[in-house]
Amino acid sequence: MLEDPSNDQLIAWLPEGDGFVIVSPTDFSRRLLPVVYKHSNLASFVRQVNM
């Protein structure tokens, strides 16, 4: 999802390349999470990333 340029308005790599930022949390939850995961819960996504 980070490598797809069509998602740049939603999620992007930090300039250093050592992390990412969710640019638009609401749109990210609505448009991208359901496509990649089986849910649209941002808090759940954050928990999974922190594992």
PDB file of N, CA and C in Angstrom:
ATOM      1  N   MET A   1       0.814  -1.185   0.000  1.00  0.00           N
ATOM      2  CA  MET A   1       0.000   0.000   0.000  1.00  0.00           C
ATOM      3  C   MET A   1       0.863   1.256   0.000  1.00  0.00           C
ATOM      4  N   LEU A   2       2.031   1.218   0.601  1.00  0.00           N
ATOM      5  CA  LEU A   2       2.920   2.384   0.607  1.00  0.00           C
ATOM      6  C   LEU A   2       3.620   2.599  -0.729  1.00  0.00           C
ATOM      7  N   GLU A   3       3.783   1.547  -1.482  1.00  0.00           N
ATOM      8  CA  GLU A   3       4.477   1.656  -2.769  1.00  0.00           C
ATOM      9  C   GLU A   3       3.554   2.112  -3.902  1.00  0.00           C
ATOM     10  N   ASP A   4       2.262   2.096  -3.666  1.00  0.00           N
ATOM     11  CA  ASP A   4       1.292   2.480  -4.693  1.00  0.00           C
ATOM     12  C   ASP A   4       1.115   3.998  -4.691  1.00  0.00           C
ATOM     13  N   PRO A   5       1.529   4.703  -5.751  1.00  0.00           N
ATOM     14  CA  PRO A   5       1.444   6.163  -5.793  1.00  0.00           C
ATOM     15  C   PRO A   5       0.018   6.699  -5.666  1.00  0.00           C
ATOM     16  N   SER A   6      -0.977   5.881  -5.977  1.00  0.00           N
ATOM     17  CA  SER A   6      -2.360   6.353  -5.854  1.00  0.00           C
ATOM     18  C   SER A   6      -2.775   6.523  -4.393  1.00  0.00           C
ATOM     19  N   ASN A   7      -1.976   6.008  -3.455  1.00  0.00           N
ATOM     20  CA  ASN A   7      -2.275   6.134  -2.027  1.00  0.00           C
ATOM     21  C   ASN A   7      -1.510   7.272  -1.355  1.00  0.00           C
ATOM     22  N   ASP A   8      -0.769   8.053  -2.113  1.00  0.00           N
ATOM     23  CA  ASP A   8       0.071   9.110  -1.533  1.00  0.00           C
ATOM     24  C   ASP A   8      -0.712  10.134  -0.718  1.00  0.00           C
ATOM     25  N   GLN A   9      -1.982  10.337  -1.023  1.00  0.00           N
ATOM     26  CA  GLN A   9      -2.790  11.289  -0.259  1.00  0.00           C
ATOM     27  C   GLN A   9      -3.289  10.675   1.047  1.00  0.00           C
ATOM     28  N   LEU A  10      -3.091   9.371   1.198  1.00  0.00           N
ATOM     29  CA  LEU A  10      -3.578   8.666   2.380  1.00  0.00           C
ATOM     30  C   LEU A  10      -2.457   8.241   3.319  1.00  0.00           C
ATOM     31  N   ILE A  11      -1.374   7.714   2.753  1.00  0.00           N
ATOM     32  CA  ILE A  11      -0.266   7.180   3.547  1.00  0.00           C
ATOM     33  C   ILE A  11       1.023   7.343   2.746  1.00  0.00           C
ATOM     34  N   ALA A  12       2.100   7.703   3.425  1.00  0.00           N
ATOM     35  CA  ALA A  12       3.359   7.944   2.709  1.00  0.00           C
ATOM     36  C   ALA A  12       4.545   7.646   3.626  1.00  0.00           C
ATOM     37  N   TRP A  13       5.662   7.292   2.999  1.00  0.00           N
ATOM     38  CA  TRP A  13       6.907   7.100   3.740  1.00  0.00           C
ATOM     39  C   TRP A  13       7.396   8.441   4.269  1.00  0.00           C
ATOM     40  N   LEU A  14       8.034   8.428   5.426  1.00  0.00           N
ATOM     41  CA  LEU A  14       8.717   9.613   5.931  1.00  0.00           C
ATOM     42  C   LEU A  14       9.944   9.859   5.055  1.00  0.00           C
ATOM     43  N   PRO A  15      10.428  11.101   4.992  1.00  0.00           N
ATOM     44  CA  PRO A  15      11.583  11.404   4.134  1.00  0.00           C
ATOM     45  C   PRO A  15      12.800  10.519   4.411  1.00  0.00           C
ATOM     46  N   GLU A  16      13.014  10.140   5.665  1.00  0.00           N
ATOM     47  CA  GLU A  16      14.163   9.308   6.017  1.00  0.00           C
ATOM     48  C   GLU A  16      13.966   7.857   5.589  1.00  0.00           C
ATOM     49  N   GLY A  17      12.721   7.481   5.290  1.00  0.00           N
ATOM     50  CA  GLY A  17      12.421   6.117   4.881  1.00  0.00           C
ATOM     51  C   GLY A  17      12.348   5.121   6.020  1.00  0.00           C
ATOM     52  N   ASP A  18      12.353   5.610   7.265  1.00  0.00           N
ATOM     53  CA  ASP A  18      12.354   4.704   8.411  1.00  0.00           C
ATOM     54  C   ASP A  18      10.997   4.608   9.108  1.00  0.00           C
ATOM     55  N   GLY A  19       9.984   5.123   8.470  1.00  0.00           N
ATOM     56  CA  GLY A  19       8.641   5.082   9.027  1.00  0.00           C
ATOM     57  C   GLY A  19       7.660   5.634   8.023  1.00  0.00           C
ATOM     58  N   PHE A  20       6.408   5.676   8.415  1.00  0.00           N
ATOM     59  CA  PHE A  20       5.392   6.219   7.521  1.00  0.00           C
ATOM     60  C   PHE A  20       4.424   7.080   8.310  1.00  0.00           C
ATOM     61  N   VAL A  21       3.670   7.886   7.591  1.00  0.00           N
ATOM     62  CA  VAL A  21       2.670   8.752   8.192  1.00  0.00           C
ATOM     63  C   VAL A  21       1.348   8.509   7.479  1.00  0.00           C
ATOM     64  N   ILE A  22       0.281   8.462   8.261  1.00  0.00           N
ATOM     65  CA  ILE A  22      -1.055   8.395   7.685  1.00  0.00           C
ATOM     66  C   ILE A  22      -1.493   9.836   7.496  1.00  0.00           C
ATOM     67  N   VAL A  23      -1.525  10.273   6.256  1.00  0.00           N
ATOM     68  CA  VAL A  23      -1.765  11.674   5.914  1.00  0.00           C
ATOM     69  C   VAL A  23      -3.202  12.067   6.222  1.00  0.00           C
ATOM     70  N   SER A  24      -4.125  11.221   5.893  1.00  0.00           N
ATOM     71  CA  SER A  24      -5.548  11.489   6.100  1.00  0.00           C
ATOM     72  C   SER A  24      -6.182  10.283   6.793  1.00  0.00           C
ATOM     73  N   PRO A  25      -6.180  10.277   8.126  1.00  0.00           N
ATOM     74  CA  PRO A  25      -6.676   9.108   8.854  1.00  0.00           C
ATOM     75  C   PRO A  25      -8.113   8.705   8.502  1.00  0.00           C
ATOM     76  N   THR A  26      -8.989   9.676   8.340  1.00  0.00           N
ATOM     77  CA  THR A  26     -10.386   9.356   8.023  1.00  0.00           C
ATOM     78  C   THR A  26     -10.500   8.677   6.669  1.00  0.00           C
ATOM     79  N   ASP A  27      -9.880   9.266   5.655  1.00  0.00           N
ATOM     80  CA  ASP A  27      -9.930   8.670   4.319  1.00  0.00           C
ATOM     81  C   ASP A  27      -9.182   7.342   4.271  1.00  0.00           C
ATOM     82  N   PHE A  28      -8.072   7.250   4.989  1.00  0.00           N
ATOM     83  CA  PHE A  28      -7.312   6.002   5.067  1.00  0.00           C
ATOM     84  C   PHE A  28      -8.204   4.882   5.610  1.00  0.00           C
ATOM     85  N   SER A  29      -8.933   5.180   6.679  1.00  0.00           N
ATOM     86  CA  SER A  29      -9.817   4.183   7.294  1.00  0.00           C
ATOM     87  C   SER A  29     -10.964   3.791   6.379  1.00  0.00           C
ATOM     88  N   ARG A  30     -11.508   4.744   5.688  1.00  0.00           N
ATOM     89  CA  ARG A  30     -12.671   4.486   4.832  1.00  0.00           C
ATOM     90  C   ARG A  30     -12.309   3.821   3.512  1.00  0.00           C
ATOM     91  N   ARG A  31     -11.229   4.282   2.895  1.00  0.00           N
ATOM     92  CA  ARG A  31     -10.936   3.874   1.522  1.00  0.00           C
ATOM     93  C   ARG A  31      -9.894   2.771   1.387  1.00  0.00           C
ATOM     94  N   LEU A  32      -8.886   2.772   2.248  1.00  0.00           N
ATOM     95  CA  LEU A  32      -7.777   1.838   2.050  1.00  0.00           C
ATOM     96  C   LEU A  32      -7.825   0.621   2.975  1.00  0.00           C
ATOM     97  N   LEU A  33      -8.114   0.835   4.239  1.00  0.00           N
ATOM     98  CA  LEU A  33      -8.124  -0.297   5.171  1.00  0.00           C
ATOM     99  C   LEU A  33      -9.060  -1.427   4.736  1.00  0.00           C
ATOM    100  N   PRO A  34     -10.295  -1.128   4.324  1.00  0.00           N
ATOM    101  CA  PRO A  34     -11.179  -2.236   3.921  1.00  0.00           C
ATOM    102  C   PRO A  34     -10.670  -3.010   2.702  1.00  0.00           C
ATOM    103  N   VAL A  35      -9.866  -2.383   1.875  1.00  0.00           N
ATOM    104  CA  VAL A  35      -9.331  -3.054   0.688  1.00  0.00           C
ATOM    105  C   VAL A  35      -8.182  -3.987   1.069  1.00  0.00           C
ATOM    106  N   VAL A  36      -7.336  -3.533   1.983  1.00  0.00           N
ATOM    107  CA  VAL A  36      -6.139  -4.288   2.348  1.00  0.00           C
ATOM    108  C   VAL A  36      -6.412  -5.264   3.501  1.00  0.00           C
ATOM    109  N   TYR A  37      -7.247  -4.847   4.454  1.00  0.00           N
ATOM    110  CA  TYR A  37      -7.594  -5.675   5.609  1.00  0.00           C
ATOM    111  C   TYR A  37      -9.090  -5.949   5.585  1.00  0.00           C
ATOM    112  N   LYS A  38      -9.572  -6.704   6.527  1.00  0.00           N
ATOM    113  CA  LYS A  38     -10.998  -7.022   6.566  1.00  0.00           C
ATOM    114  C   LYS A  38     -11.764  -6.081   7.489  1.00  0.00           C
ATOM    115  N   HIS A  39     -11.201  -4.941   7.783  1.00  0.00           N
ATOM    116  CA  HIS A  39     -11.852  -3.986   8.684  1.00  0.00           C
ATOM    117  C   HIS A  39     -11.483  -2.563   8.278  1.00  0.00           C
ATOM    118  N   SER A  40     -12.154  -1.603   8.917  1.00  0.00           N
ATOM    119  CA  SER A  40     -11.833  -0.193   8.669  1.00  0.00           C
ATOM    120  C   SER A  40     -11.519   0.521   9.978  1.00  0.00           C
ATOM    121  N   ASN A  41     -11.062  -0.235  10.963  1.00  0.00           N
ATOM    122  CA  ASN A  41     -10.782   0.302  12.287  1.00  0.00           C
ATOM    123  C   ASN A  41      -9.317   0.746  12.375  1.00  0.00           C
ATOM    124  N   LEU A  42      -9.106   2.065  12.422  1.00  0.00           N
ATOM    125  CA  LEU A  42      -7.744   2.607  12.465  1.00  0.00           C
ATOM    126  C   LEU A  42      -7.007   2.175  13.733  1.00  0.00           C
ATOM    127  N   ALA A  43      -7.691   2.172  14.868  1.00  0.00           N
ATOM    128  CA  ALA A  43      -7.042   1.776  16.122  1.00  0.00           C
ATOM    129  C   ALA A  43      -6.534   0.334  16.043  1.00  0.00           C
ATOM    130  N   SER A  44      -7.294  -0.533  15.426  1.00  0.00           N
ATOM    131  CA  SER A  44      -6.865  -1.919  15.252  1.00  0.00           C
ATOM    132  C   SER A  44      -5.642  -2.002  14.348  1.00  0.00           C
ATOM    133  N   PHE A  45      -5.629  -1.225  13.279  1.00  0.00           N
ATOM    134  CA  PHE A  45      -4.473  -1.187  12.384  1.00  0.00           C
ATOM    135  C   PHE A  45      -3.226  -0.725  13.139  1.00  0.00           C
ATOM    136  N   VAL A  46      -3.362   0.312  13.948  1.00  0.00           N
ATOM    137  CA  VAL A  46      -2.226   0.838  14.716  1.00  0.00           C
ATOM    138  C   VAL A  46      -1.703  -0.230  15.676  1.00  0.00           C
ATOM    139  N   ARG A  47      -2.592  -0.949  16.337  1.00  0.00           N
ATOM    140  CA  ARG A  47      -2.161  -2.031  17.237  1.00  0.00           C
ATOM    141  C   ARG A  47      -1.385  -3.098  16.475  1.00  0.00           C
ATOM    142  N   GLN A  48      -1.859  -3.460  15.294  1.00  0.00           N
ATOM    143  CA  GLN A  48      -1.172  -4.479  14.500  1.00  0.00           C
ATOM    144  C   GLN A  48       0.216  -4.014  14.076  1.00  0.00           C
ATOM    145  N   VAL A  49       0.337  -2.755  13.720  1.00  0.00           N
ATOM    146  CA  VAL A  49       1.629  -2.212  13.288  1.00  0.00           C
ATOM    147  C   VAL A  49       2.609  -2.180  14.458  1.00  0.00           C
ATOM    148  N   ASN A  50       2.125  -1.929  15.652  1.00  0.00           N
ATOM    149  CA  ASN A  50       2.987  -1.830  16.829  1.00  0.00           C
ATOM    150  C   ASN A  50       3.465  -3.177  17.350  1.00  0.00           C
ATOM    151  N   MET A  51       2.971  -4.277  16.821  1.00  0.00           N
ATOM    152  CA  MET A  51       3.366  -5.604  17.316  1.00  0.00           C
ATOM    153  C   MET A  51       4.792  -5.908  17.009  1.00  0.00           C
TER     154      MET A  51
END
